[in-house]
């Protein structure tokens, strides 16, 4: 099974930046990796995703122009660069990896769910004040 370890969360002032990292362990490549977030009292939402080849990236409209997703395949690590952070970005951020059919990770991310083959990271708190 794939295991995911996240790092990089923390507290930052409005307008600041953070970079989240998600390191995957395991021998099987994932077809999609992505970042989801859950604010208090809200559903978990997918905000960014990338396919294994890096040929497809999804960024949700709520963070488009401020967040970017990238990966280092050799390190099995996916990054979420977050710039111009706003208080409404405050949430627990979760990394996820999954095996889906095809290369389009957008529907997977937009669903906010993973399949029974997928895995969540432990979550990392991001607080913007």
C-alpha atoms as a PDB file:
ATOM      1  CA  UNK A   1       0.000   0.000   0.000  1.00  0.00           C
ATOM      2  CA  UNK A   2       1.013   3.558  -0.581  1.00  0.00           C
ATOM      3  CA  UNK A   3       1.776   5.665   2.475  1.00  0.00           C
ATOM      4  CA  UNK A   4       1.723   9.449   2.350  1.00  0.00           C
ATOM      5  CA  UNK A   5       3.587  11.805   4.642  1.00  0.00           C
ATOM      6  CA  UNK A   6       2.781  15.492   4.511  1.00  0.00           C
ATOM      7  CA  UNK A   7       4.803  18.434   5.712  1.00  0.00           C
ATOM      8  CA  UNK A   8       4.927  22.193   5.371  1.00  0.00           C
ATOM      9  CA  UNK A   9       1.802  23.437   7.084  1.00  0.00           C
ATOM     10  CA  UNK A  10       1.772  26.202   9.626  1.00  0.00           C
ATOM     11  CA  UNK A  11       0.538  29.675  10.445  1.00  0.00           C
ATOM     12  CA  UNK A  12       1.035  32.620   8.148  1.00  0.00           C
ATOM     13  CA  UNK A  13      -0.282  36.133   7.744  1.00  0.00           C
ATOM     14  CA  UNK A  14      -2.621  37.161   4.961  1.00  0.00           C
ATOM     15  CA  UNK A  15      -0.680  37.466   1.731  1.00  0.00           C
ATOM     16  CA  UNK A  16       1.989  35.052   2.835  1.00  0.00           C
ATOM     17  CA  UNK A  17       3.139  31.802   1.248  1.00  0.00           C
ATOM     18  CA  UNK A  18       3.559  28.189   2.262  1.00  0.00           C
ATOM     19  CA  UNK A  19       4.671  25.090   0.413  1.00  0.00           C
ATOM     20  CA  UNK A  20       3.192  21.744   1.307  1.00  0.00           C
ATOM     21  CA  UNK A  21       4.980  18.513   0.477  1.00  0.00           C
ATOM     22  CA  UNK A  22       3.581  15.008   0.234  1.00  0.00           C
ATOM     23  CA  UNK A  23       6.046  12.146   0.054  1.00  0.00           C
ATOM     24  CA  UNK A  24       4.722   8.794  -1.103  1.00  0.00           C
ATOM     25  CA  UNK A  25       6.256   5.468  -0.218  1.00  0.00           C
ATOM     26  CA  UNK A  26       5.496   2.265  -2.004  1.00  0.00           C
ATOM     27  CA  UNK A  27       6.489   0.661  -5.244  1.00  0.00           C
ATOM     28  CA  UNK A  28       3.347   1.175  -7.280  1.00  0.00           C
ATOM     29  CA  UNK A  29       2.894   4.468  -9.112  1.00  0.00           C
ATOM     30  CA  UNK A  30      -0.345   6.297  -8.469  1.00  0.00           C
ATOM     31  CA  UNK A  31      -2.398   7.534 -11.385  1.00  0.00           C
ATOM     32  CA  UNK A  32      -3.451  10.649  -9.501  1.00  0.00           C
ATOM     33  CA  UNK A  33      -2.151  12.586  -6.555  1.00  0.00           C
ATOM     34  CA  UNK A  34      -3.780  15.654  -5.205  1.00  0.00           C
ATOM     35  CA  UNK A  35      -4.480  18.073  -2.419  1.00  0.00           C
ATOM     36  CA  UNK A  36      -7.753  18.410  -0.598  1.00  0.00           C
ATOM     37  CA  UNK A  37      -8.740  20.670   2.255  1.00  0.00           C
ATOM     38  CA  UNK A  38     -11.373  20.728   4.916  1.00  0.00           C
ATOM     39  CA  UNK A  39     -12.325  23.837   6.818  1.00  0.00           C
ATOM     40  CA  UNK A  40     -14.279  23.631  10.083  1.00  0.00           C
ATOM     41  CA  UNK A  41     -17.911  22.803   9.409  1.00  0.00           C
ATOM     42  CA  UNK A  42     -17.339  22.255   5.699  1.00  0.00           C
ATOM     43  CA  UNK A  43     -16.980  19.268   3.415  1.00  0.00           C
ATOM     44  CA  UNK A  44     -13.590  18.156   2.223  1.00  0.00           C
ATOM     45  CA  UNK A  45     -12.875  19.671  -1.179  1.00  0.00           C
ATOM     46  CA  UNK A  46     -10.321  18.893  -3.825  1.00  0.00           C
ATOM     47  CA  UNK A  47      -8.257  21.885  -4.840  1.00  0.00           C
ATOM     48  CA  UNK A  48      -5.409  20.497  -6.927  1.00  0.00           C
ATOM     49  CA  UNK A  49      -4.430  17.292  -8.667  1.00  0.00           C
ATOM     50  CA  UNK A  50      -1.778  15.955 -10.999  1.00  0.00           C
ATOM     51  CA  UNK A  51      -1.501  12.727 -12.936  1.00  0.00           C
ATOM     52  CA  UNK A  52       1.509  10.440 -12.715  1.00  0.00           C
ATOM     53  CA  UNK A  53       3.015  11.640 -15.981  1.00  0.00           C
ATOM     54  CA  UNK A  54       2.559  15.252 -14.999  1.00  0.00           C
ATOM     55  CA  UNK A  55       0.693  15.915 -18.236  1.00  0.00           C
ATOM     56  CA  UNK A  56      -2.538  16.877 -16.543  1.00  0.00           C
ATOM     57  CA  UNK A  57      -2.942  19.357 -13.709  1.00  0.00           C
ATOM     58  CA  UNK A  58      -6.118  20.528 -12.082  1.00  0.00           C
ATOM     59  CA  UNK A  59      -6.445  23.663  -9.964  1.00  0.00           C
ATOM     60  CA  UNK A  60      -9.774  24.600  -8.459  1.00  0.00           C
ATOM     61  CA  UNK A  61     -11.148  28.035  -9.311  1.00  0.00           C
ATOM     62  CA  UNK A  62     -11.066  29.019  -5.648  1.00  0.00           C
ATOM     63  CA  UNK A  63      -7.268  28.925  -5.647  1.00  0.00           C
ATOM     64  CA  UNK A  64      -6.415  29.387  -9.301  1.00  0.00           C
ATOM     65  CA  UNK A  65      -3.688  31.939  -9.843  1.00  0.00           C
ATOM     66  CA  UNK A  66      -2.473  31.550  -6.249  1.00  0.00           C
ATOM     67  CA  UNK A  67      -1.763  27.829  -5.812  1.00  0.00           C
ATOM     68  CA  UNK A  68       0.283  25.560  -8.042  1.00  0.00           C
ATOM     69  CA  UNK A  69       0.820  21.813  -7.932  1.00  0.00           C
ATOM     70  CA  UNK A  70       4.006  20.116  -9.008  1.00  0.00           C
ATOM     71  CA  UNK A  71       5.809  16.847  -8.504  1.00  0.00           C
ATOM     72  CA  UNK A  72       9.206  15.247  -8.357  1.00  0.00           C
ATOM     73  CA  UNK A  73       8.643  11.753  -9.710  1.00  0.00           C
ATOM     74  CA  UNK A  74      12.070  10.557  -8.610  1.00  0.00           C
ATOM     75  CA  UNK A  75      11.341  11.596  -5.030  1.00  0.00           C
ATOM     76  CA  UNK A  76       7.709  10.436  -5.268  1.00  0.00           C
ATOM     77  CA  UNK A  77       6.768  13.809  -3.859  1.00  0.00           C
ATOM     78  CA  UNK A  78       3.981  16.189  -4.773  1.00  0.00           C
ATOM     79  CA  UNK A  79       4.075  19.832  -3.796  1.00  0.00           C
ATOM     80  CA  UNK A  80       1.446  22.502  -3.316  1.00  0.00           C
ATOM     81  CA  UNK A  81       2.829  26.005  -3.529  1.00  0.00           C
ATOM     82  CA  UNK A  82       0.411  28.408  -1.922  1.00  0.00           C
ATOM     83  CA  UNK A  83       0.867  32.135  -2.490  1.00  0.00           C
ATOM     84  CA  UNK A  84      -1.251  35.164  -1.590  1.00  0.00           C
ATOM     85  CA  UNK A  85      -2.899  33.219   1.181  1.00  0.00           C
ATOM     86  CA  UNK A  86      -6.224  34.415   2.531  1.00  0.00           C
ATOM     87  CA  UNK A  87      -7.999  33.716   5.822  1.00  0.00           C
ATOM     88  CA  UNK A  88     -10.513  31.595   3.919  1.00  0.00           C
ATOM     89  CA  UNK A  89      -7.674  29.247   2.984  1.00  0.00           C
ATOM     90  CA  UNK A  90      -7.497  28.197   6.625  1.00  0.00           C
ATOM     91  CA  UNK A  91      -8.143  24.457   6.753  1.00  0.00           C
ATOM     92  CA  UNK A  92      -6.602  21.060   7.261  1.00  0.00           C
ATOM     93  CA  UNK A  93      -4.893  20.115   4.028  1.00  0.00           C
ATOM     94  CA  UNK A  94      -4.769  16.477   3.019  1.00  0.00           C
ATOM     95  CA  UNK A  95      -2.693  14.808   0.371  1.00  0.00           C
ATOM     96  CA  UNK A  96      -4.236  11.876  -1.450  1.00  0.00           C
ATOM     97  CA  UNK A  97      -3.108   9.268  -3.935  1.00  0.00           C
ATOM     98  CA  UNK A  98      -5.324   6.999  -5.927  1.00  0.00           C
ATOM     99  CA  UNK A  99      -5.564   4.605  -8.843  1.00  0.00           C
ATOM    100  CA  UNK A 100      -8.233   5.617 -11.338  1.00  0.00           C
ATOM    101  CA  UNK A 101      -8.937   4.834 -14.940  1.00  0.00           C
ATOM    102  CA  UNK A 102      -7.527   7.297 -17.423  1.00  0.00           C
ATOM    103  CA  UNK A 103      -5.323  10.311 -16.937  1.00  0.00           C
ATOM    104  CA  UNK A 104      -7.902  12.957 -16.110  1.00  0.00           C
ATOM    105  CA  UNK A 105      -7.650  13.581 -12.382  1.00  0.00           C
ATOM    106  CA  UNK A 106     -10.086  16.477 -12.333  1.00  0.00           C
ATOM    107  CA  UNK A 107     -13.282  14.460 -11.674  1.00  0.00           C
ATOM    108  CA  UNK A 108     -11.463  12.571  -8.966  1.00  0.00           C
ATOM    109  CA  UNK A 109     -10.342  15.762  -7.264  1.00  0.00           C
ATOM    110  CA  UNK A 110     -13.697  17.481  -7.675  1.00  0.00           C
ATOM    111  CA  UNK A 111     -15.483  14.543  -6.041  1.00  0.00           C
ATOM    112  CA  UNK A 112     -13.569  15.102  -2.819  1.00  0.00           C
ATOM    113  CA  UNK A 113     -13.396  11.344  -2.403  1.00  0.00           C
ATOM    114  CA  UNK A 114     -10.923   8.550  -2.948  1.00  0.00           C
ATOM    115  CA  UNK A 115     -11.591   4.988  -4.086  1.00  0.00           C
ATOM    116  CA  UNK A 116     -10.909   1.897  -2.008  1.00  0.00           C
ATOM    117  CA  UNK A 117      -7.480   1.806  -3.648  1.00  0.00           C
ATOM    118  CA  UNK A 118      -6.633   5.323  -2.567  1.00  0.00           C
ATOM    119  CA  UNK A 119      -4.887   6.674   0.494  1.00  0.00           C
ATOM    120  CA  UNK A 120      -5.057   9.875   2.510  1.00  0.00           C
ATOM    121  CA  UNK A 121      -2.181  11.579   4.217  1.00  0.00           C
ATOM    122  CA  UNK A 122      -2.452  12.480   7.873  1.00  0.00           C
ATOM    123  CA  UNK A 123      -3.365  16.099   7.173  1.00  0.00           C
ATOM    124  CA  UNK A 124      -1.536  19.296   7.968  1.00  0.00           C
ATOM    125  CA  UNK A 125      -3.031  22.464   9.431  1.00  0.00           C
ATOM    126  CA  UNK A 126      -2.772  25.713   7.513  1.00  0.00           C
ATOM    127  CA  UNK A 127      -3.873  28.830   9.377  1.00  0.00           C
ATOM    128  CA  UNK A 128      -4.008  32.242   7.736  1.00  0.00           C
ATOM    129  CA  UNK A 129      -4.694  35.275   9.877  1.00  0.00           C
END
